[in-house]
PDB file of N, CA and C in Angstrom:
ATOM      1  N   MET A   1     -32.128   7.862  10.641  1.00  0.00           N
ATOM      2  CA  MET A   1     -31.836   7.507   9.973  1.00  0.00           C
ATOM      3  C   MET A   1     -30.302   7.903  10.415  1.00  0.00           C
ATOM      4  N   SER A   2     -29.208   6.683  10.000  1.00  0.00           N
ATOM      5  CA  SER A   2     -27.852   6.135   9.854  1.00  0.00           C
ATOM      6  C   SER A   2     -27.258   6.185   8.800  1.00  0.00           C
ATOM      7  N   LYS A   3     -25.801   6.836   9.345  1.00  0.00           N
ATOM      8  CA  LYS A   3     -24.906   6.697   8.238  1.00  0.00           C
ATOM      9  C   LYS A   3     -24.844   5.939   8.343  1.00  0.00           C
ATOM     10  N   GLU A   4     -24.071   5.910   7.116  1.00  0.00           N
ATOM     11  CA  GLU A   4     -23.210   4.194   6.356  1.00  0.00           C
ATOM     12  C   GLU A   4     -21.945   5.390   5.709  1.00  0.00           C
ATOM     13  N   LYS A   5     -20.992   4.320   6.174  1.00  0.00           N
ATOM     14  CA  LYS A   5     -20.240   4.334   5.925  1.00  0.00           C
ATOM     15  C   LYS A   5     -19.029   4.225   4.690  1.00  0.00           C
ATOM     16  N   THR A   6     -19.048   5.079   4.148  1.00  0.00           N
ATOM     17  CA  THR A   6     -18.791   4.264   2.333  1.00  0.00           C
ATOM     18  C   THR A   6     -17.008   4.110   2.497  1.00  0.00           C
ATOM     19  N   LYS A   7     -17.238   2.232   2.112  1.00  0.00           N
ATOM     20  CA  LYS A   7     -15.812   2.297   2.253  1.00  0.00           C
ATOM     21  C   LYS A   7     -14.628   2.727   1.211  1.00  0.00           C
ATOM     22  N   ILE A   8     -13.394   3.351   1.240  1.00  0.00           N
ATOM     23  CA  ILE A   8     -12.401   3.351   1.430  1.00  0.00           C
ATOM     24  C   ILE A   8     -11.334   2.376  -0.161  1.00  0.00           C
ATOM     25  N   ASP A   9     -11.798   2.841  -0.895  1.00  0.00           N
ATOM     26  CA  ASP A   9     -10.908   1.374  -1.461  1.00  0.00           C
ATOM     27  C   ASP A   9      -9.437   1.488  -2.394  1.00  0.00           C
ATOM     28  N   ILE A  10      -8.488   1.826  -1.533  1.00  0.00           N
ATOM     29  CA  ILE A  10      -7.074   2.369  -1.070  1.00  0.00           C
ATOM     30  C   ILE A  10      -6.419   1.741  -3.164  1.00  0.00           C
ATOM     31  N   ASP A  11      -7.210   1.130  -3.910  1.00  0.00           N
ATOM     32  CA  ASP A  11      -6.612   0.478  -4.897  1.00  0.00           C
ATOM     33  C   ASP A  11      -6.966   1.350  -5.870  1.00  0.00           C
ATOM     34  N   LYS A  12      -7.472   2.743  -5.921  1.00  0.00           N
ATOM     35  CA  LYS A  12      -8.051   3.449  -7.111  1.00  0.00           C
ATOM     36  C   LYS A  12      -8.227   4.647  -6.113  1.00  0.00           C
ATOM     37  N   ILE A  13      -7.457   4.838  -4.979  1.00  0.00           N
ATOM     38  CA  ILE A  13      -7.050   6.748  -5.141  1.00  0.00           C
ATOM     39  C   ILE A  13      -5.656   6.334  -4.922  1.00  0.00           C
ATOM     40  N   ASN A  14      -5.501   8.293  -5.137  1.00  0.00           N
ATOM     41  CA  ASN A  14      -3.596   7.777  -4.100  1.00  0.00           C
ATOM     42  C   ASN A  14      -3.607   8.158  -2.667  1.00  0.00           C
ATOM     43  N   ILE A  15      -2.880   7.424  -2.328  1.00  0.00           N
ATOM     44  CA  ILE A  15      -3.138   7.427  -0.217  1.00  0.00           C
ATOM     45  C   ILE A  15      -2.708   9.010  -0.024  1.00  0.00           C
ATOM     46  N   PHE A  16      -2.016   9.588  -0.814  1.00  0.00           N
ATOM     47  CA  PHE A  16      -1.690  10.448   0.009  1.00  0.00           C
ATOM     48  C   PHE A  16      -2.275  11.759  -0.432  1.00  0.00           C
ATOM     49  N   THR A  17      -3.382  11.704  -0.917  1.00  0.00           N
ATOM     50  CA  THR A  17      -4.275  12.625  -0.799  1.00  0.00           C
ATOM     51  C   THR A  17      -5.541  13.230  -0.060  1.00  0.00           C
ATOM     52  N   HIS A  18      -5.743  12.804   0.752  1.00  0.00           N
ATOM     53  CA  HIS A  18      -6.348  12.837   2.403  1.00  0.00           C
ATOM     54  C   HIS A  18      -5.608  11.899   3.292  1.00  0.00           C
ATOM     55  N   PRO A  19      -5.124  12.746   4.381  1.00  0.00           N
ATOM     56  CA  PRO A  19      -4.777  11.674   5.852  1.00  0.00           C
ATOM     57  C   PRO A  19      -5.520  10.568   6.095  1.00  0.00           C
ATOM     58  N   ARG A  20      -6.588  10.531   6.084  1.00  0.00           N
ATOM     59  CA  ARG A  20      -7.650   9.073   6.182  1.00  0.00           C
ATOM     60  C   ARG A  20      -7.226   7.937   4.846  1.00  0.00           C
ATOM     61  N   TYR A  21      -7.309   8.194   4.471  1.00  0.00           N
ATOM     62  CA  TYR A  21      -6.760   7.282   2.773  1.00  0.00           C
ATOM     63  C   TYR A  21      -5.066   6.654   3.451  1.00  0.00           C
ATOM     64  N   MET A  22      -4.296   7.077   4.370  1.00  0.00           N
ATOM     65  CA  MET A  22      -2.880   6.693   4.770  1.00  0.00           C
ATOM     66  C   MET A  22      -3.542   6.288   5.896  1.00  0.00           C
ATOM     67  N   LYS A  23      -4.524   6.872   6.906  1.00  0.00           N
ATOM     68  CA  LYS A  23      -5.026   5.695   7.684  1.00  0.00           C
ATOM     69  C   LYS A  23      -5.144   4.575   7.053  1.00  0.00           C
ATOM     70  N   VAL A  24      -6.457   4.412   6.648  1.00  0.00           N
ATOM     71  CA  VAL A  24      -6.602   3.481   6.189  1.00  0.00           C
ATOM     72  C   VAL A  24      -5.583   2.215   5.578  1.00  0.00           C
ATOM     73  N   TRP A  25      -4.434   2.772   4.005  1.00  0.00           N
ATOM     74  CA  TRP A  25      -3.607   2.506   4.260  1.00  0.00           C
ATOM     75  C   TRP A  25      -3.174   1.297   4.961  1.00  0.00           C
ATOM     76  N   GLY A  26      -2.348   2.320   6.133  1.00  0.00           N
ATOM     77  CA  GLY A  26      -1.934   1.607   7.821  1.00  0.00           C
ATOM     78  C   GLY A  26      -3.071   1.146   8.193  1.00  0.00           C
ATOM     79  N   SER A  27      -3.915   0.602   8.422  1.00  0.00           N
ATOM     80  CA  SER A  27      -4.534  -0.230   9.294  1.00  0.00           C
ATOM     81  C   SER A  27      -3.983  -1.304   8.219  1.00  0.00           C
ATOM     82  N   GLN A  28      -4.381  -1.075   7.305  1.00  0.00           N
ATOM     83  CA  GLN A  28      -4.510  -3.125   5.823  1.00  0.00           C
ATOM     84  C   GLN A  28      -3.237  -3.022   6.359  1.00  0.00           C
ATOM     85  N   PHE A  29      -2.320  -2.465   5.681  1.00  0.00           N
ATOM     86  CA  PHE A  29      -0.558  -2.406   6.211  1.00  0.00           C
ATOM     87  C   PHE A  29      -0.551  -3.315   7.779  1.00  0.00           C
ATOM     88  N   THR A  30      -0.338  -2.399   8.871  1.00  0.00           N
ATOM     89  CA  THR A  30      -0.198  -3.590   9.854  1.00  0.00           C
ATOM     90  C   THR A  30      -0.881  -5.115  10.486  1.00  0.00           C
ATOM     91  N   LYS A  31      -2.810  -5.105   8.913  1.00  0.00           N
ATOM     92  CA  LYS A  31      -3.922  -6.063  10.233  1.00  0.00           C
ATOM     93  C   LYS A  31      -2.771  -7.000   9.020  1.00  0.00           C
ATOM     94  N   ALA A  32      -1.862  -6.991   7.771  1.00  0.00           N
ATOM     95  CA  ALA A  32      -1.029  -7.568   6.658  1.00  0.00           C
ATOM     96  C   ALA A  32       0.180  -8.066   7.259  1.00  0.00           C
ATOM     97  N   CYS A  33       0.036  -7.615   8.296  1.00  0.00           N
ATOM     98  CA  CYS A  33       1.522  -8.269   8.333  1.00  0.00           C
ATOM     99  C   CYS A  33       1.636  -9.662   9.529  1.00  0.00           C
ATOM    100  N   GLY A  34       0.218  -9.362  10.053  1.00  0.00           N
ATOM    101  CA  GLY A  34       0.241 -10.331  10.620  1.00  0.00           C
ATOM    102  C   GLY A  34       0.089 -10.819  11.981  1.00  0.00           C
ATOM    103  N   SER A  35       0.222 -11.133  12.810  1.00  0.00           N
ATOM    104  CA  SER A  35       0.307 -11.151  14.716  1.00  0.00           C
ATOM    105  C   SER A  35       1.422 -12.532  15.087  1.00  0.00           C
ATOM    106  N   ASP A  36       2.736 -11.970  15.543  1.00  0.00           N
ATOM    107  CA  ASP A  36       3.013 -12.959  16.988  1.00  0.00           C
ATOM    108  C   ASP A  36       2.067 -13.649  18.177  1.00  0.00           C
ATOM    109  N   THR A  37       1.560 -12.444  18.474  1.00  0.00           N
ATOM    110  CA  THR A  37       1.063 -12.626  19.958  1.00  0.00           C
ATOM    111  C   THR A  37      -1.038 -14.068  19.157  1.00  0.00           C
ATOM    112  N   PHE A  38      -1.139 -14.281  18.093  1.00  0.00           N
ATOM    113  CA  PHE A  38      -2.102 -14.673  17.546  1.00  0.00           C
ATOM    114  C   PHE A  38      -1.685 -15.589  16.848  1.00  0.00           C
ATOM    115  N   GLY A  39      -0.408 -16.143  16.387  1.00  0.00           N
ATOM    116  CA  GLY A  39      -0.210 -16.826  15.035  1.00  0.00           C
ATOM    117  C   GLY A  39      -1.094 -16.505  14.054  1.00  0.00           C
ATOM    118  N   VAL A  40      -0.863 -15.471  13.665  1.00  0.00           N
ATOM    119  CA  VAL A  40      -1.627 -15.048  12.417  1.00  0.00           C
ATOM    120  C   VAL A  40       0.028 -14.277  11.250  1.00  0.00           C
ATOM    121  N   ALA A  41      -0.037 -15.828  10.609  1.00  0.00           N
ATOM    122  CA  ALA A  41       1.031 -15.539   9.365  1.00  0.00           C
ATOM    123  C   ALA A  41       1.119 -14.049   8.605  1.00  0.00           C
ATOM    124  N   PRO A  42       1.996 -13.374   8.321  1.00  0.00           N
ATOM    125  CA  PRO A  42       2.010 -12.150   7.544  1.00  0.00           C
ATOM    126  C   PRO A  42       1.578 -12.782   6.531  1.00  0.00           C
ATOM    127  N   ASP A  43       0.628 -11.824   5.265  1.00  0.00           N
ATOM    128  CA  ASP A  43      -0.161 -12.037   4.283  1.00  0.00           C
ATOM    129  C   ASP A  43       0.782 -11.054   2.844  1.00  0.00           C
ATOM    130  N   LEU A  44       2.016 -12.271   3.354  1.00  0.00           N
ATOM    131  CA  LEU A  44       2.966 -11.726   2.227  1.00  0.00           C
ATOM    132  C   LEU A  44       2.507 -10.454   0.475  1.00  0.00           C
ATOM    133  N   LEU A  45       1.634 -11.480  -0.143  1.00  0.00           N
ATOM    134  CA  LEU A  45       1.161 -10.690  -1.231  1.00  0.00           C
ATOM    135  C   LEU A  45       0.539  -9.224  -1.371  1.00  0.00           C
ATOM    136  N   ARG A  46      -0.290  -9.020  -0.068  1.00  0.00           N
ATOM    137  CA  ARG A  46      -0.773  -8.249   0.709  1.00  0.00           C
ATOM    138  C   ARG A  46       0.299  -7.036   0.371  1.00  0.00           C
ATOM    139  N   LEU A  47       1.543  -7.287   1.568  1.00  0.00           N
ATOM    140  CA  LEU A  47       2.356  -6.647   1.717  1.00  0.00           C
ATOM    141  C   LEU A  47       2.868  -6.393   0.948  1.00  0.00           C
ATOM    142  N   ASN A  48       3.415  -6.647   0.286  1.00  0.00           N
ATOM    143  CA  ASN A  48       3.596  -6.249  -1.611  1.00  0.00           C
ATOM    144  C   ASN A  48       3.612  -5.561  -1.519  1.00  0.00           C
ATOM    145  N   PHE A  49       2.094  -5.348  -1.897  1.00  0.00           N
ATOM    146  CA  PHE A  49       1.310  -5.178  -3.109  1.00  0.00           C
ATOM    147  C   PHE A  49       1.395  -3.029  -1.584  1.00  0.00           C
ATOM    148  N   LEU A  50       0.408  -3.385  -0.720  1.00  0.00           N
ATOM    149  CA  LEU A  50       1.307  -2.147   0.135  1.00  0.00           C
ATOM    150  C   LEU A  50       2.111  -1.524  -0.007  1.00  0.00           C
ATOM    151  N   MET A  51       3.681  -1.829  -0.350  1.00  0.00           N
ATOM    152  CA  MET A  51       4.433  -1.197  -0.705  1.00  0.00           C
ATOM    153  C   MET A  51       4.566  -0.567  -1.055  1.00  0.00           C
ATOM    154  N   GLU A  52       4.304  -1.371  -2.811  1.00  0.00           N
ATOM    155  CA  GLU A  52       4.350  -1.346  -4.369  1.00  0.00           C
ATOM    156  C   GLU A  52       3.247   0.411  -4.854  1.00  0.00           C
ATOM    157  N   LYS A  53       1.532  -0.104  -3.436  1.00  0.00           N
ATOM    158  CA  LYS A  53       1.206   1.110  -3.316  1.00  0.00           C
ATOM    159  C   LYS A  53       1.484   1.997  -3.386  1.00  0.00           C
ATOM    160  N   PHE A  54       2.006   2.264  -1.713  1.00  0.00           N
ATOM    161  CA  PHE A  54       2.847   3.759  -1.132  1.00  0.00           C
ATOM    162  C   PHE A  54       3.923   3.803  -2.132  1.00  0.00           C
ATOM    163  N   VAL A  55       4.923   3.465  -2.736  1.00  0.00           N
ATOM    164  CA  VAL A  55       6.471   3.865  -3.518  1.00  0.00           C
ATOM    165  C   VAL A  55       5.535   5.064  -4.163  1.00  0.00           C
ATOM    166  N   LYS A  56       5.030   4.158  -5.331  1.00  0.00           N
ATOM    167  CA  LYS A  56       4.036   5.154  -6.088  1.00  0.00           C
ATOM    168  C   LYS A  56       3.059   5.804  -6.144  1.00  0.00           C
ATOM    169  N   ASP A  57       2.222   5.727  -5.039  1.00  0.00           N
ATOM    170  CA  ASP A  57       1.304   7.434  -4.901  1.00  0.00           C
ATOM    171  C   ASP A  57       3.083   8.794  -3.948  1.00  0.00           C
ATOM    172  N   TYR A  58       3.445   7.625  -3.530  1.00  0.00           N
ATOM    173  CA  TYR A  58       3.827   8.252  -2.400  1.00  0.00           C
ATOM    174  C   TYR A  58       4.620   9.294  -3.632  1.00  0.00           C
ATOM    175  N   ASN A  59       5.892   8.826  -5.183  1.00  0.00           N
ATOM    176  CA  ASN A  59       6.315   9.280  -6.462  1.00  0.00           C
ATOM    177  C   ASN A  59       5.251  10.585  -6.987  1.00  0.00           C
ATOM    178  N   PHE A  60       4.490   9.847  -7.385  1.00  0.00           N
ATOM    179  CA  PHE A  60       3.711  11.200  -7.760  1.00  0.00           C
ATOM    180  C   PHE A  60       3.260  12.357  -7.144  1.00  0.00           C
ATOM    181  N   HIS A  61       2.514  11.232  -5.664  1.00  0.00           N
ATOM    182  CA  HIS A  61       2.369  12.738  -5.426  1.00  0.00           C
ATOM    183  C   HIS A  61       3.933  14.053  -5.352  1.00  0.00           C
ATOM    184  N   MET A  62       5.285  13.149  -4.519  1.00  0.00           N
ATOM    185  CA  MET A  62       5.600  13.903  -5.085  1.00  0.00           C
ATOM    186  C   MET A  62       6.611  14.747  -6.135  1.00  0.00           C
ATOM    187  N   GLU A  63       6.320  14.609  -7.253  1.00  0.00           N
ATOM    188  CA  GLU A  63       6.210  14.663  -8.261  1.00  0.00           C
ATOM    189  C   GLU A  63       5.187  15.645  -8.958  1.00  0.00           C
ATOM    190  N   GLU A  64       4.233  15.407  -8.267  1.00  0.00           N
ATOM    191  CA  GLU A  64       3.102  16.462  -8.972  1.00  0.00           C
ATOM    192  C   GLU A  64       3.796  18.498  -7.410  1.00  0.00           C
ATOM    193  N   LEU A  65       4.236  17.558  -6.360  1.00  0.00           N
ATOM    194  CA  LEU A  65       4.712  18.532  -5.169  1.00  0.00           C
ATOM    195  C   LEU A  65       5.617  20.205  -5.988  1.00  0.00           C
ATOM    196  N   SER A  66       6.471  19.152  -6.975  1.00  0.00           N
ATOM    197  CA  SER A  66       7.373  19.206  -7.353  1.00  0.00           C
ATOM    198  C   SER A  66       7.280  20.677  -8.770  1.00  0.00           C
ATOM    199  N   LYS A  67       6.371  20.149  -9.344  1.00  0.00           N
ATOM    200  CA  LYS A  67       6.084  20.679 -10.257  1.00  0.00           C
ATOM    201  C   LYS A  67       5.435  21.909  -9.891  1.00  0.00           C
ATOM    202  N   THR A  68       4.912  21.827  -9.435  1.00  0.00           N
ATOM    203  CA  THR A  68       3.681  22.869  -8.004  1.00  0.00           C
ATOM    204  C   THR A  68       4.968  23.865  -7.780  1.00  0.00           C
ATOM    205  N   HIS A  69       6.080  23.557  -6.812  1.00  0.00           N
ATOM    206  CA  HIS A  69       7.284  24.041  -6.205  1.00  0.00           C
ATOM    207  C   HIS A  69       7.540  25.170  -7.795  1.00  0.00           C
ATOM    208  N   GLN A  70       8.238  24.127  -8.549  1.00  0.00           N
ATOM    209  CA  GLN A  70       8.982  25.254  -9.848  1.00  0.00           C
ATOM    210  C   GLN A  70       8.197  26.669 -10.591  1.00  0.00           C
ATOM    211  N   ALA A  71       6.887  25.954 -10.337  1.00  0.00           N
ATOM    212  CA  ALA A  71       5.679  26.920 -11.079  1.00  0.00           C
ATOM    213  C   ALA A  71       5.945  27.946  -9.885  1.00  0.00           C
ATOM    214  N   ASP A  72       5.577  27.742  -9.061  1.00  0.00           N
ATOM    215  CA  ASP A  72       5.958  29.074  -7.302  1.00  0.00           C
ATOM    216  C   ASP A  72       7.052  29.769  -7.995  1.00  0.00           C
ATOM    217  N   ALA A  73       7.971  28.579  -7.739  1.00  0.00           N
ATOM    218  CA  ALA A  73       9.605  29.771  -8.496  1.00  0.00           C
ATOM    219  C   ALA A  73       9.004  30.235  -9.407  1.00  0.00           C
ATOM    220  N   HIS A  74       8.974  29.804 -10.527  1.00  0.00           N
ATOM    221  CA  HIS A  74       9.242  30.696 -11.722  1.00  0.00           C
ATOM    222  C   HIS A  74       8.143  32.028 -11.571  1.00  0.00           C
ATOM    223  N   VAL A  75       6.866  31.960 -11.051  1.00  0.00           N
ATOM    224  CA  VAL A  75       5.783  33.018 -10.958  1.00  0.00           C
ATOM    225  C   VAL A  75       7.227  33.692  -9.903  1.00  0.00           C
ATOM    226  N   LYS A  76       8.072  33.846  -8.737  1.00  0.00           N
ATOM    227  CA  LYS A  76       8.510  34.456  -8.062  1.00  0.00           C
ATOM    228  C   LYS A  76       9.464  35.490  -8.630  1.00  0.00           C
ATOM    229  N   ASP A  77      10.764  34.593  -9.643  1.00  0.00           N
ATOM    230  CA  ASP A  77      11.064  34.745 -10.307  1.00  0.00           C
ATOM    231  C   ASP A  77      11.157  35.830 -11.612  1.00  0.00           C
ATOM    232  N   TYR A  78      10.563  35.933 -11.619  1.00  0.00           N
ATOM    233  CA  TYR A  78       9.187  36.727 -13.301  1.00  0.00           C
ATOM    234  C   TYR A  78       9.061  38.264 -11.993  1.00  0.00           C
ATOM    235  N   ARG A  79       8.962  37.768 -11.351  1.00  0.00           N
ATOM    236  CA  ARG A  79       7.829  38.895 -10.048  1.00  0.00           C
ATOM    237  C   ARG A  79       9.371  39.735  -9.736  1.00  0.00           C
ATOM    238  N   ARG A  80       9.677  39.243  -9.329  1.00  0.00           N
ATOM    239  CA  ARG A  80      11.286  39.755  -9.349  1.00  0.00           C
ATOM    240  C   ARG A  80      12.433  40.596 -10.266  1.00  0.00           C
ATOM    241  N   LEU A  81      12.679  40.184 -11.559  1.00  0.00           N
ATOM    242  CA  LEU A  81      12.863  40.364 -12.502  1.00  0.00           C
ATOM    243  C   LEU A  81      12.301  41.771 -12.861  1.00  0.00           C
ATOM    244  N   GLU A  82      11.028  41.746 -12.519  1.00  0.00           N
ATOM    245  CA  GLU A  82       9.924  42.479 -13.225  1.00  0.00           C
ATOM    246  C   GLU A  82      10.139  44.008 -12.589  1.00  0.00           C
ATOM    247  N   GLU A  83      11.065  43.598 -10.814  1.00  0.00           N
ATOM    248  CA  GLU A  83      10.699  45.172  -9.857  1.00  0.00           C
ATOM    249  C   GLU A  83      12.339  45.220 -10.001  1.00  0.00           C
ATOM    250  N   GLU A  84      12.687  44.364 -10.936  1.00  0.00           N
ATOM    251  CA  GLU A  84      14.532  44.991 -11.483  1.00  0.00           C
ATOM    252  C   GLU A  84      14.574  46.144 -12.780  1.00  0.00           C
TER     253      GLU A  84
END
């Protein structure tokens, strides 16, 4: 029985939610950059999409981390006040 690889569609996921997704994004970015050695021109449309995807997903991820951090800080402050 062979294991089928599930294709990761980065268009539908946040690339910061798993290292594998970032790796797929990086591979696609590298490919879109083209190759001077083999005379392959960059795919500027794909590069633009991948850069926008990175920024959008990064900003969302950082916002979520900030919310979590703020909630944690609030709990810590509340506990500190209880101790006083």
